[in-house]
């Protein structure tokens, strides 16, 4: 569907991964990408994990409204069969694991690919991101706010970068040169498919030393809006993180907003969302095929507790869980799996 304009010089490859439950969210992200990048040719690949024919039809309808884009659905086969291990989904859906085989998806292409999570909105031109100097790095990604305890569980040193994989600029030539796919397979087999942070943890283990740190403006995650800088440090105890000014400046010039899950806030497609940047989501929803659909209800017990208890207490509780207990429980769980 769609077509590529011959008079446009820039052609960018973009990739998403989704199942049917997130197809609407992805569709709205695609609209935001297209609305703000009309001067570029875009080739969009969607890793399809049982997306319904109805949602595919609606997404193709979106594509037909623009003259500078082509889209393909790439059917996801059984990832666990390909990997040879049973996967533990510590985060996200199994569809996201298929991006680990990005070299297979783009067999005859050695350029750059921009991976985007479904829960992003692109609010400006992506040219600056797509043309970054990656130096000798394989990818560019946002440094994530994880404590030192997470690193040991995926064989990283205390000060190694951990990144958020929701926005990644990937150099496929370097990816192939570093033999990332085979290293991923070996790592997953070693850990019997049970890796902290799931596919994101695997990517961190493989690419921590080959990652260019992105400006936060290219991946403004929810924590940057939910908490002030001191609260972020208290909550996560991040290692090798951004300065307060880097985050502040980035929020003034956003390129990509990432509505990540949060203990504190709901997401724009959920009833009662108070995210400070939800207006962007609504802006693109109202021009989407899903404009009449009502938002969903979040039934999380944790969200209820957050609304009842004093915020200071919630922050301390959530901080101890994130910094210490979660990585500790995962380590114990993995040791049990390893002993079987």
Protein backbone atom coordinates (compact mmCIF):
# COMPACT_ATOMS: atom_id res chain seq x y z
CA UNK A 1 0.00 0.00 0.00
CA UNK A 2 1.05 3.59 -0.53
CA UNK A 3 3.79 4.79 -2.87
CA UNK A 4 7.21 6.40 -2.75
CA UNK A 5 7.77 9.86 -4.21
CA UNK A 6 10.69 9.83 -6.64
CA UNK A 7 11.51 13.50 -6.05
CA UNK A 8 12.26 12.93 -2.33
CA UNK A 9 15.88 12.01 -1.58
CA UNK A 10 15.56 10.71 1.98
CA UNK A 11 14.11 7.23 2.43
CA UNK A 12 13.90 5.93 5.99
CA UNK A 13 13.21 2.38 7.15
CA UNK A 14 10.99 2.15 10.26
CA UNK A 15 9.91 -0.99 12.08
CA UNK A 16 7.19 -1.77 14.65
CA UNK A 17 6.16 -5.02 16.36
CA UNK A 18 2.60 -5.65 17.54
CA UNK A 19 -0.07 -8.15 18.37
CA UNK A 20 -3.76 -7.37 17.90
CA UNK A 21 -4.23 -5.88 21.38
CA UNK A 22 -1.79 -3.06 20.58
CA UNK A 23 -2.62 -2.61 16.88
CA UNK A 24 -4.74 0.49 17.55
CA UNK A 25 -1.99 2.06 19.66
CA UNK A 26 0.52 1.31 16.91
CA UNK A 27 -1.80 2.74 14.25
CA UNK A 28 -1.98 6.05 16.07
CA UNK A 29 1.82 6.08 16.41
CA UNK A 30 2.10 5.51 12.65
CA UNK A 31 -0.23 8.46 11.99
CA UNK A 32 1.97 10.72 14.16
CA UNK A 33 5.06 9.56 12.26
CA UNK A 34 3.48 10.26 8.88
CA UNK A 35 1.99 13.62 9.86
CA UNK A 36 5.37 14.98 10.93
CA UNK A 37 7.58 13.47 8.21
CA UNK A 38 5.88 14.31 4.92
CA UNK A 39 9.13 15.47 3.32
CA UNK A 40 10.71 12.01 3.63
CA UNK A 41 9.95 8.68 2.00
CA UNK A 42 9.11 6.09 4.64
CA UNK A 43 9.15 2.31 4.42
CA UNK A 44 7.33 0.82 7.40
CA UNK A 45 7.63 -2.84 8.38
CA UNK A 46 5.19 -4.23 10.96
CA UNK A 47 6.13 -7.46 12.72
CA UNK A 48 2.73 -9.09 12.80
CA UNK A 49 1.81 -11.31 15.74
CA UNK A 50 -1.80 -12.25 14.90
CA UNK A 51 -3.04 -8.74 14.08
CA UNK A 52 -6.67 -9.08 12.99
CA UNK A 53 -7.70 -8.52 9.38
CA UNK A 54 -9.91 -5.67 10.54
CA UNK A 55 -7.03 -3.80 12.17
CA UNK A 56 -4.79 -4.50 9.17
CA UNK A 57 -7.46 -3.03 6.93
CA UNK A 58 -7.64 0.12 9.07
CA UNK A 59 -3.85 0.49 9.14
CA UNK A 60 -3.70 0.11 5.35
CA UNK A 61 -6.43 2.75 5.12
CA UNK A 62 -4.11 5.11 7.02
CA UNK A 63 -1.25 4.36 4.64
CA UNK A 64 -3.48 5.07 1.61
CA UNK A 65 -3.96 8.63 2.90
CA UNK A 66 -0.28 9.49 2.42
CA UNK A 67 1.84 9.64 -0.73
CA UNK A 68 5.30 9.08 0.75
CA UNK A 69 5.01 5.70 2.45
CA UNK A 70 4.87 1.98 1.78
CA UNK A 71 4.02 -0.60 4.43
CA UNK A 72 4.47 -4.34 4.74
CA UNK A 73 3.27 -6.78 7.38
CA UNK A 74 5.90 -9.38 8.26
CA UNK A 75 4.23 -12.47 9.65
CA UNK A 76 5.88 -13.67 12.85
CA UNK A 77 6.51 -17.38 12.98
CA UNK A 78 6.95 -19.26 16.25
CA UNK A 79 9.76 -17.33 17.91
CA UNK A 80 10.35 -19.98 20.56
CA UNK A 81 10.82 -22.63 17.87
CA UNK A 82 13.35 -20.41 16.09
CA UNK A 83 15.20 -19.76 19.34
CA UNK A 84 15.00 -23.32 20.56
CA UNK A 85 14.02 -22.21 24.09
CA UNK A 86 10.86 -21.41 26.05
CA UNK A 87 10.74 -17.66 26.59
CA UNK A 88 10.03 -15.92 29.88
CA UNK A 89 8.09 -12.71 29.22
CA UNK A 90 9.46 -10.37 31.88
CA UNK A 91 8.07 -7.42 29.94
CA UNK A 92 6.02 -6.72 26.81
CA UNK A 93 4.64 -9.24 24.35
CA UNK A 94 6.33 -12.13 22.59
CA UNK A 95 6.04 -10.21 19.31
CA UNK A 96 8.86 -7.93 20.43
CA UNK A 97 11.33 -10.83 20.49
CA UNK A 98 11.14 -11.06 16.73
CA UNK A 99 13.02 -7.77 16.37
CA UNK A 100 16.08 -9.67 17.62
CA UNK A 101 16.16 -11.17 14.12
CA UNK A 102 16.16 -7.83 12.35
CA UNK A 103 18.94 -8.94 9.99
CA UNK A 104 16.60 -11.66 8.64
CA UNK A 105 13.78 -9.16 8.20
CA UNK A 106 15.99 -6.87 6.11
CA UNK A 107 17.96 -9.52 4.21
CA UNK A 108 19.31 -7.35 1.39
CA UNK A 109 19.63 -4.07 3.28
CA UNK A 110 22.70 -2.83 5.16
CA UNK A 111 21.58 0.67 6.09
CA UNK A 112 19.82 2.09 9.13
CA UNK A 113 16.51 1.04 10.63
CA UNK A 114 14.52 2.93 13.26
CA UNK A 115 12.69 0.63 15.66
CA UNK A 116 9.71 2.21 17.46
CA UNK A 117 7.53 0.77 20.21
CA UNK A 118 3.80 0.99 19.56
CA UNK A 119 3.27 3.32 22.52
CA UNK A 120 5.19 6.22 21.00
CA UNK A 121 4.04 9.38 19.26
CA UNK A 122 6.40 11.17 16.91
CA UNK A 123 5.86 14.91 17.25
CA UNK A 124 8.54 16.28 14.93
CA UNK A 125 10.83 15.45 11.99
CA UNK A 126 13.02 12.36 12.54
CA UNK A 127 15.80 13.46 10.16
CA UNK A 128 18.12 14.54 12.98
CA UNK A 129 17.73 11.12 14.60
CA UNK A 130 18.15 9.16 11.37
CA UNK A 131 21.36 10.98 10.45
CA UNK A 132 23.15 10.82 13.80
CA UNK A 133 26.85 9.98 13.78
CA UNK A 134 26.90 6.53 15.35
CA UNK A 135 30.70 6.36 15.24
CA UNK A 136 31.59 2.70 15.81
CA UNK A 137 28.35 1.87 17.62
CA UNK A 138 25.74 -0.65 16.50
CA UNK A 139 22.73 1.24 17.87
CA UNK A 140 21.66 4.50 19.46
CA UNK A 141 19.21 4.38 22.38
CA UNK A 142 18.10 6.16 25.55
CA UNK A 143 19.97 5.47 28.77
CA UNK A 144 17.41 3.92 31.12
CA UNK A 145 17.09 4.59 34.84
CA UNK A 146 18.08 1.23 36.33
CA UNK A 147 19.99 0.60 39.56
CA UNK A 148 23.29 -1.29 39.63
CA UNK A 149 21.57 -4.49 40.82
CA UNK A 150 20.04 -5.12 37.39
CA UNK A 151 23.36 -5.18 35.60
CA UNK A 152 24.80 -8.29 37.22
CA UNK A 153 21.76 -10.33 36.19
CA UNK A 154 22.65 -9.80 32.52
CA UNK A 155 26.46 -9.97 32.90
CA UNK A 156 27.12 -6.23 32.80
CA UNK A 157 29.53 -4.27 34.96
CA UNK A 158 28.17 -1.88 37.59
CA UNK A 159 28.66 1.24 35.44
CA UNK A 160 27.71 -0.20 32.05
CA UNK A 161 24.95 1.54 30.12
CA UNK A 162 21.47 0.06 30.29
CA UNK A 163 19.15 1.40 27.64
CA UNK A 164 15.45 1.55 26.84
CA UNK A 165 14.81 -0.42 23.66
CA UNK A 166 11.56 1.36 22.74
CA UNK A 167 13.37 3.69 20.34
CA UNK A 168 16.48 2.28 18.66
CA UNK A 169 18.41 3.49 15.63
CA UNK A 170 20.11 0.35 14.31
CA UNK A 171 23.05 0.12 11.92
CA UNK A 172 22.41 -3.20 10.18
CA UNK A 173 25.90 -3.38 8.70
CA UNK A 174 27.46 -3.16 12.17
CA UNK A 175 24.79 -5.52 13.53
CA UNK A 176 25.91 -8.17 11.07
CA UNK A 177 29.61 -7.49 11.60
CA UNK A 178 29.18 -7.98 15.35
CA UNK A 179 27.29 -11.25 14.73
CA UNK A 180 24.56 -10.05 17.11
CA UNK A 181 21.96 -12.63 16.11
CA UNK A 182 24.11 -15.67 16.86
CA UNK A 183 25.30 -14.11 20.11
CA UNK A 184 21.67 -13.51 21.10
CA UNK A 185 20.81 -17.16 20.47
CA UNK A 186 23.75 -18.33 22.57
CA UNK A 187 22.83 -15.95 25.41
CA UNK A 188 19.18 -17.05 25.48
CA UNK A 189 20.14 -20.71 25.51
CA UNK A 190 22.61 -20.12 28.33
CA UNK A 191 19.86 -18.49 30.40
CA UNK A 192 17.20 -20.96 29.24
CA UNK A 193 15.04 -18.17 27.86
CA UNK A 194 14.73 -16.48 31.26
CA UNK A 195 16.35 -13.06 30.93
CA UNK A 196 15.65 -10.04 33.11
CA UNK A 197 13.67 -7.42 31.16
CA UNK A 198 13.00 -10.00 28.44
CA UNK A 199 14.08 -9.01 24.93
CA UNK A 200 15.26 -5.61 26.22
CA UNK A 201 17.54 -7.37 28.69
CA UNK A 202 18.99 -9.51 25.89
CA UNK A 203 19.68 -6.43 23.78
CA UNK A 204 21.36 -4.71 26.72
CA UNK A 205 23.56 -7.73 27.35
CA UNK A 206 24.68 -7.80 23.71
CA UNK A 207 24.96 -4.07 22.97
CA UNK A 208 25.72 -2.13 26.15
CA UNK A 209 29.26 -1.33 25.01
CA UNK A 210 28.14 -0.64 21.43
CA UNK A 211 25.38 1.88 22.17
CA UNK A 212 25.40 5.61 21.49
CA UNK A 213 23.48 7.46 24.18
CA UNK A 214 20.55 9.33 22.65
CA UNK A 215 19.37 12.74 23.74
CA UNK A 216 16.21 12.21 25.82
CA UNK A 217 14.25 14.28 23.28
CA UNK A 218 14.23 11.22 21.04
CA UNK A 219 12.61 9.02 23.69
CA UNK A 220 10.80 10.99 26.37
CA UNK A 221 9.61 8.18 28.63
CA UNK A 222 6.83 8.65 31.19
CA UNK A 223 9.16 8.89 34.19
CA UNK A 224 10.42 12.25 32.87
CA UNK A 225 6.90 13.64 33.23
CA UNK A 226 5.71 11.72 36.29
CA UNK A 227 8.61 12.70 38.55
CA UNK A 228 11.02 15.58 39.03
CA UNK A 229 14.76 14.91 38.78
CA UNK A 230 15.34 14.33 42.48
CA UNK A 231 12.39 11.94 42.61
CA UNK A 232 13.78 9.99 39.63
CA UNK A 233 17.11 9.58 41.43
CA UNK A 234 15.38 8.54 44.64
CA UNK A 235 13.01 6.11 42.90
CA UNK A 236 15.43 4.33 40.58
CA UNK A 237 18.98 5.10 41.84
CA UNK A 238 20.13 5.13 38.19
CA UNK A 239 23.73 4.54 37.18
CA UNK A 240 25.49 6.58 34.49
CA UNK A 241 22.36 8.67 33.86
CA UNK A 242 21.45 12.03 32.31
CA UNK A 243 21.87 15.38 34.03
CA UNK A 244 18.84 17.35 35.15
CA UNK A 245 19.52 19.96 32.46
CA UNK A 246 19.71 17.37 29.66
CA UNK A 247 16.21 16.18 30.52
CA UNK A 248 14.88 19.70 31.02
CA UNK A 249 16.14 20.91 27.62
CA UNK A 250 14.87 17.78 25.87
CA UNK A 251 11.35 18.27 27.20
CA UNK A 252 11.31 21.71 25.57
CA UNK A 253 12.13 20.25 22.13
CA UNK A 254 10.45 16.80 21.99
CA UNK A 255 10.81 14.57 18.96
CA UNK A 256 9.37 11.28 20.28
CA UNK A 257 7.17 10.85 23.35
CA UNK A 258 7.07 7.34 24.76
CA UNK A 259 4.08 6.49 26.95
CA UNK A 260 5.83 3.80 28.97
CA UNK A 261 4.01 1.97 31.75
CA UNK A 262 4.39 3.62 35.13
CA UNK A 263 3.49 2.89 38.73
CA UNK A 264 2.25 6.45 39.01
CA UNK A 265 0.32 7.35 35.86
CA UNK A 266 -2.08 5.80 33.41
CA UNK A 267 -1.53 5.84 29.66
CA UNK A 268 -3.47 8.05 27.20
CA UNK A 269 -5.70 5.21 25.97
CA UNK A 270 -6.78 4.46 29.57
CA UNK A 271 -9.62 6.15 31.41
CA UNK A 272 -8.35 8.69 33.94
CA UNK A 273 -4.97 9.34 32.30
CA UNK A 274 -3.23 12.43 33.66
CA UNK A 275 -0.03 12.20 31.62
CA UNK A 276 1.23 15.72 30.97
CA UNK A 277 1.66 15.00 27.26
CA UNK A 278 -1.59 13.13 26.63
CA UNK A 279 -2.76 15.95 24.33
CA UNK A 280 -0.37 14.70 21.66
CA UNK A 281 -1.94 11.25 21.78
CA UNK A 282 -5.43 12.75 21.53
CA UNK A 283 -4.32 14.92 18.60
CA UNK A 284 -3.53 11.87 16.49
CA UNK A 285 -6.31 9.66 17.82
CA UNK A 286 -9.00 12.06 16.59
CA UNK A 287 -7.72 11.76 13.01
CA UNK A 288 -7.43 7.97 13.25
CA UNK A 289 -9.92 5.21 12.32
CA UNK A 290 -10.31 4.57 16.06
CA UNK A 291 -11.40 8.11 16.95
CA UNK A 292 -14.82 6.95 18.20
CA UNK A 293 -13.49 4.15 20.39
CA UNK A 294 -13.67 4.69 24.14
CA UNK A 295 -10.59 4.44 26.30
CA UNK A 296 -10.04 1.25 28.30
CA UNK A 297 -10.22 0.86 32.08
CA UNK A 298 -7.05 -0.02 33.98
CA UNK A 299 -7.96 -2.47 36.73
CA UNK A 300 -4.53 -2.62 38.35
CA UNK A 301 -4.62 -2.87 42.14
CA UNK A 302 -1.26 -1.05 42.27
CA UNK A 303 -2.77 2.00 40.57
CA UNK A 304 -5.50 2.07 43.21
CA UNK A 305 -2.94 2.00 46.04
CA UNK A 306 -0.98 4.85 44.43
CA UNK A 307 -4.07 7.04 44.41
CA UNK A 308 -4.86 6.33 48.08
CA UNK A 309 -1.49 6.45 49.88
CA UNK A 310 0.63 9.60 50.35
CA UNK A 311 2.97 10.05 47.37
CA UNK A 312 6.14 10.09 49.50
CA UNK A 313 5.35 6.66 50.92
CA UNK A 314 4.44 5.27 47.49
CA UNK A 315 7.72 6.57 46.04
CA UNK A 316 9.80 4.88 48.75
CA UNK A 317 7.94 1.60 48.41
CA UNK A 318 8.16 1.62 44.63
CA UNK A 319 11.82 2.61 44.79
CA UNK A 320 12.80 -0.30 47.04
CA UNK A 321 10.86 -2.68 44.80
CA UNK A 322 12.54 -1.39 41.63
CA UNK A 323 16.07 -0.91 42.94
CA UNK A 324 16.52 -4.06 45.03
CA UNK A 325 13.63 -6.52 45.25
CA UNK A 326 12.81 -6.95 41.58
CA UNK A 327 16.38 -7.78 40.46
CA UNK A 328 16.86 -9.94 43.57
CA UNK A 329 13.70 -11.96 42.94
CA UNK A 330 14.70 -12.41 39.33
CA UNK A 331 18.15 -13.68 40.32
CA UNK A 332 16.64 -16.20 42.73
CA UNK A 333 14.09 -17.29 40.14
CA UNK A 334 16.79 -17.80 37.51
CA UNK A 335 18.96 -19.83 39.88
CA UNK A 336 16.00 -22.13 40.50
CA UNK A 337 15.48 -22.55 36.75
CA UNK A 338 19.21 -23.20 36.21
CA UNK A 339 19.27 -25.93 38.85
CA UNK A 340 16.49 -27.94 37.17
